[in-house]
Each structure stands twice: as C-alpha cells, then as structure tokens.
Amino acid sequence: MSKAVFFDHIEVHVENIAAYCAFLVKIFQGGRYHVITDSGISMFASNEGINIEIKKRSISAPPAASGFCNPCLRMENAKEFIENELALTIERTISSADGNCYFFTDHEGIAWHIKDYLKKDRYTNW
C-alpha cells in the first residue's frame, strides 16, 4: 500500500448543537469549535487534535449502543470531575489493575466512560 490514511473526524448528532459544543470544551478541558455551515453544523477540535462534527439530530430516538459509540477518555481524578465539574451521575464503575473506569451518560443521552489514570494501559499500549 502506498497511500497514507489519516483520521479526519467523527460525528455526533444531538438536539442542541451549541450546548453540546460547550459540553465538549468542558469534558476535554479545552479545545475550540466553530460553526461550519449555515444550518449550524459545528466542528470541535480538542487540544489533542480530535475532531468531532456536531450536527442536529434528525430523529427523536436517543443514541443506542450500536455502531460507533461510548467515547473513552483518560484523566486523573475522573470521579470528581464527572460528579463535580460535569454534574453527571456515574452509572457503573469497573476496576482494573491500573485504576477505576467510570461510565456515565451526558445530557444528550450519549454514553461515555473515563479511566481514572493518565497512562496508556495494556488495551491501547501494545
């Protein structure tokens, strides 16, 4: 193969584009976004260079556990961040040798989880 492949972006479809952009800045603790179309579609770029395109949800059904789903972050003090900064409820906790992983759902019904440590673990560091 002679062609390079680069990851461009993922999409999220939500009820309130502006509120979700603000949520992404909060959960990624930085980043930037701007409106890219007349219909309000926006692009968020994290400080790490992760690009998320935010579009208006076209159906009333909430997100489901199929397809691309359940974004995962790593940070120290994840439990406190989820409960205090995001003001969301932790729904499930999984423990590993590296630390806890907290699962929660955001205000748009999208499920996330955050690992309570910074290092890359055996699942991504191989």
C-alpha atoms as a PDB file:
ATOM      1  CA  MET A   1       0.000   0.000   0.000  1.00  0.00           C
ATOM      2  CA  SER A   2       1.385   3.364  -0.924  1.00  0.00           C
ATOM      3  CA  LYS A   3      -1.380   5.695   0.248  1.00  0.00           C
ATOM      4  CA  ALA A   4      -1.350   7.312   3.692  1.00  0.00           C
ATOM      5  CA  VAL A   5      -4.609   7.287   5.619  1.00  0.00           C
ATOM      6  CA  PHE A   6      -5.430   9.960   8.195  1.00  0.00           C
ATOM      7  CA  PHE A   7      -8.291  10.086  10.648  1.00  0.00           C
ATOM      8  CA  ASP A   8     -10.416  13.168   9.950  1.00  0.00           C
ATOM      9  CA  HIS A   9     -13.374  13.329  12.346  1.00  0.00           C
ATOM     10  CA  ILE A  10     -16.271  11.539  13.987  1.00  0.00           C
ATOM     11  CA  GLU A  11     -19.831  12.855  14.070  1.00  0.00           C
ATOM     12  CA  VAL A  12     -22.260  13.289  16.900  1.00  0.00           C
ATOM     13  CA  HIS A  13     -25.946  14.061  16.291  1.00  0.00           C
ATOM     14  CA  VAL A  14     -27.582  15.999  19.127  1.00  0.00           C
ATOM     15  CA  GLU A  15     -30.630  18.098  19.964  1.00  0.00           C
ATOM     16  CA  ASN A  16     -28.730  21.289  20.901  1.00  0.00           C
ATOM     17  CA  ILE A  17     -25.541  21.896  18.883  1.00  0.00           C
ATOM     18  CA  ALA A  18     -24.317  24.946  20.830  1.00  0.00           C
ATOM     19  CA  ALA A  19     -24.830  23.305  24.231  1.00  0.00           C
ATOM     20  CA  TYR A  20     -23.001  20.183  23.063  1.00  0.00           C
ATOM     21  CA  CYS A  21     -20.053  22.228  21.796  1.00  0.00           C
ATOM     22  CA  ALA A  22     -19.815  23.813  25.259  1.00  0.00           C
ATOM     23  CA  PHE A  23     -20.020  20.326  26.832  1.00  0.00           C
ATOM     24  CA  LEU A  24     -17.161  19.065  24.632  1.00  0.00           C
ATOM     25  CA  VAL A  25     -14.959  22.005  25.662  1.00  0.00           C
ATOM     26  CA  LYS A  26     -15.756  21.163  29.294  1.00  0.00           C
ATOM     27  CA  ILE A  27     -15.204  17.396  29.097  1.00  0.00           C
ATOM     28  CA  PHE A  28     -11.974  17.740  27.078  1.00  0.00           C
ATOM     29  CA  GLN A  29     -10.911  20.630  29.351  1.00  0.00           C
ATOM     30  CA  GLY A  30     -10.219  22.869  26.401  1.00  0.00           C
ATOM     31  CA  GLY A  31     -10.357  22.832  22.651  1.00  0.00           C
ATOM     32  CA  ARG A  32     -12.252  25.045  20.264  1.00  0.00           C
ATOM     33  CA  TYR A  33     -15.235  24.932  17.954  1.00  0.00           C
ATOM     34  CA  HIS A  34     -16.909  26.977  15.281  1.00  0.00           C
ATOM     35  CA  VAL A  35     -19.996  26.845  13.092  1.00  0.00           C
ATOM     36  CA  ILE A  36     -19.120  25.438   9.654  1.00  0.00           C
ATOM     37  CA  THR A  37     -22.476  25.635   7.810  1.00  0.00           C
ATOM     38  CA  ASP A  38     -25.459  27.957   7.562  1.00  0.00           C
ATOM     39  CA  SER A  39     -27.584  25.269   9.231  1.00  0.00           C
ATOM     40  CA  GLY A  40     -25.462  25.442  12.404  1.00  0.00           C
ATOM     41  CA  ILE A  41     -23.331  22.323  11.981  1.00  0.00           C
ATOM     42  CA  SER A  42     -20.207  22.854  14.039  1.00  0.00           C
ATOM     43  CA  MET A  43     -16.733  21.315  14.286  1.00  0.00           C
ATOM     44  CA  PHE A  44     -14.977  20.805  17.610  1.00  0.00           C
ATOM     45  CA  ALA A  45     -11.205  20.264  17.788  1.00  0.00           C
ATOM     46  CA  SER A  46      -9.701  19.056  21.061  1.00  0.00           C
ATOM     47  CA  ASN A  47      -6.248  20.169  22.195  1.00  0.00           C
ATOM     48  CA  GLU A  48      -5.049  16.685  21.135  1.00  0.00           C
ATOM     49  CA  GLY A  49      -6.392  17.187  17.605  1.00  0.00           C
ATOM     50  CA  ILE A  50      -9.506  15.022  17.881  1.00  0.00           C
ATOM     51  CA  ASN A  51     -12.168  16.426  15.542  1.00  0.00           C
ATOM     52  CA  ILE A  52     -15.872  15.987  16.275  1.00  0.00           C
ATOM     53  CA  GLU A  53     -18.535  17.272  13.883  1.00  0.00           C
ATOM     54  CA  ILE A  54     -21.736  18.226  15.722  1.00  0.00           C
ATOM     55  CA  LYS A  55     -24.983  18.005  13.750  1.00  0.00           C
ATOM     56  CA  LYS A  56     -28.661  18.358  14.601  1.00  0.00           C
ATOM     57  CA  ARG A  57     -30.281  15.036  15.490  1.00  0.00           C
ATOM     58  CA  SER A  58     -32.748  14.093  12.744  1.00  0.00           C
ATOM     59  CA  ILE A  59     -34.734  11.502  14.693  1.00  0.00           C
ATOM     60  CA  SER A  60     -36.210  11.730  18.167  1.00  0.00           C
ATOM     61  CA  ALA A  61     -34.813   8.421  19.389  1.00  0.00           C
ATOM     62  CA  PRO A  62     -31.885   8.694  21.811  1.00  0.00           C
ATOM     63  CA  PRO A  63     -28.483   7.239  20.900  1.00  0.00           C
ATOM     64  CA  ALA A  64     -28.251   3.440  21.067  1.00  0.00           C
ATOM     65  CA  ALA A  65     -25.462   1.032  21.931  1.00  0.00           C
ATOM     66  CA  SER A  66     -24.620   0.168  18.337  1.00  0.00           C
ATOM     67  CA  GLY A  67     -22.192   1.444  15.761  1.00  0.00           C
ATOM     68  CA  PHE A  68     -19.544   3.919  16.890  1.00  0.00           C
ATOM     69  CA  CYS A  69     -20.385   4.715  20.485  1.00  0.00           C
ATOM     70  CA  ASN A  70     -19.169   5.092  24.073  1.00  0.00           C
ATOM     71  CA  PRO A  71     -16.211   7.516  23.818  1.00  0.00           C
ATOM     72  CA  CYS A  72     -13.450   6.900  26.375  1.00  0.00           C
ATOM     73  CA  LEU A  73     -11.088   9.441  27.951  1.00  0.00           C
ATOM     74  CA  ARG A  74      -8.246   9.149  30.490  1.00  0.00           C
ATOM     75  CA  MET A  75      -7.560  11.608  33.305  1.00  0.00           C
ATOM     76  CA  GLU A  76      -6.650  11.779  36.969  1.00  0.00           C
ATOM     77  CA  ASN A  77      -9.492  12.346  39.457  1.00  0.00           C
ATOM     78  CA  ALA A  78     -12.109  11.257  36.921  1.00  0.00           C
ATOM     79  CA  LYS A  79     -14.784  10.518  39.553  1.00  0.00           C
ATOM     80  CA  GLU A  80     -14.606  14.029  40.992  1.00  0.00           C
ATOM     81  CA  PHE A  81     -14.564  15.552  37.502  1.00  0.00           C
ATOM     82  CA  ILE A  82     -17.685  13.672  36.382  1.00  0.00           C
ATOM     83  CA  GLU A  83     -19.623  14.356  39.573  1.00  0.00           C
ATOM     84  CA  ASN A  84     -18.483  17.926  40.294  1.00  0.00           C
ATOM     85  CA  GLU A  85     -17.418  19.565  37.015  1.00  0.00           C
ATOM     86  CA  LEU A  86     -19.863  17.842  34.673  1.00  0.00           C
ATOM     87  CA  ALA A  87     -22.534  17.365  37.392  1.00  0.00           C
ATOM     88  CA  LEU A  88     -23.400  13.932  35.959  1.00  0.00           C
ATOM     89  CA  THR A  89     -24.149  10.644  37.703  1.00  0.00           C
ATOM     90  CA  ILE A  90     -21.769   7.709  37.495  1.00  0.00           C
ATOM     91  CA  GLU A  91     -23.839   4.712  36.415  1.00  0.00           C
ATOM     92  CA  ARG A  92     -21.231   1.969  36.614  1.00  0.00           C
ATOM     93  CA  THR A  93     -17.646   1.532  37.810  1.00  0.00           C
ATOM     94  CA  ILE A  94     -15.182  -1.093  36.599  1.00  0.00           C
ATOM     95  CA  SER A  95     -11.898  -1.664  38.433  1.00  0.00           C
ATOM     96  CA  SER A  96      -8.668  -2.742  36.773  1.00  0.00           C
ATOM     97  CA  ALA A  97      -5.057  -3.070  37.865  1.00  0.00           C
ATOM     98  CA  ASP A  98      -4.457   0.471  36.567  1.00  0.00           C
ATOM     99  CA  GLY A  99      -7.430   2.108  38.306  1.00  0.00           C
ATOM    100  CA  ASN A 100     -11.167   2.639  38.023  1.00  0.00           C
ATOM    101  CA  CYS A 101     -13.174   3.346  34.900  1.00  0.00           C
ATOM    102  CA  TYR A 102     -16.405   5.338  35.342  1.00  0.00           C
ATOM    103  CA  PHE A 103     -19.377   5.094  32.972  1.00  0.00           C
ATOM    104  CA  PHE A 104     -21.948   7.904  32.665  1.00  0.00           C
ATOM    105  CA  THR A 105     -24.459   9.393  30.221  1.00  0.00           C
ATOM    106  CA  ASP A 106     -24.357  13.032  29.128  1.00  0.00           C
ATOM    107  CA  HIS A 107     -27.303  15.433  28.793  1.00  0.00           C
ATOM    108  CA  GLU A 108     -27.947  14.255  25.190  1.00  0.00           C
ATOM    109  CA  GLY A 109     -28.165  10.591  26.211  1.00  0.00           C
ATOM    110  CA  ILE A 110     -24.714   9.686  24.878  1.00  0.00           C
ATOM    111  CA  ALA A 111     -22.789   7.160  26.999  1.00  0.00           C
ATOM    112  CA  TRP A 112     -19.149   7.938  27.891  1.00  0.00           C
ATOM    113  CA  HIS A 113     -16.514   6.468  30.176  1.00  0.00           C
ATOM    114  CA  ILE A 114     -13.371   7.908  31.728  1.00  0.00           C
ATOM    115  CA  LYS A 115     -10.412   5.909  33.039  1.00  0.00           C
ATOM    116  CA  ASP A 116      -9.082   7.369  36.295  1.00  0.00           C
ATOM    117  CA  TYR A 117      -5.416   7.357  35.271  1.00  0.00           C
ATOM    118  CA  LEU A 118      -3.260   9.055  32.661  1.00  0.00           C
ATOM    119  CA  LYS A 119      -1.036   6.259  31.372  1.00  0.00           C
ATOM    120  CA  LYS A 120      -1.894   4.244  28.287  1.00  0.00           C
ATOM    121  CA  ASP A 121      -2.951   0.808  29.518  1.00  0.00           C
ATOM    122  CA  ARG A 122      -2.455  -2.672  28.074  1.00  0.00           C
ATOM    123  CA  TYR A 123      -5.526  -2.234  25.851  1.00  0.00           C
ATOM    124  CA  THR A 124      -4.044   0.661  23.868  1.00  0.00           C
ATOM    125  CA  ASN A 125      -0.312   0.331  24.562  1.00  0.00           C
ATOM    126  CA  TRP A 126       0.800  -2.817  22.706  1.00  0.00           C
END
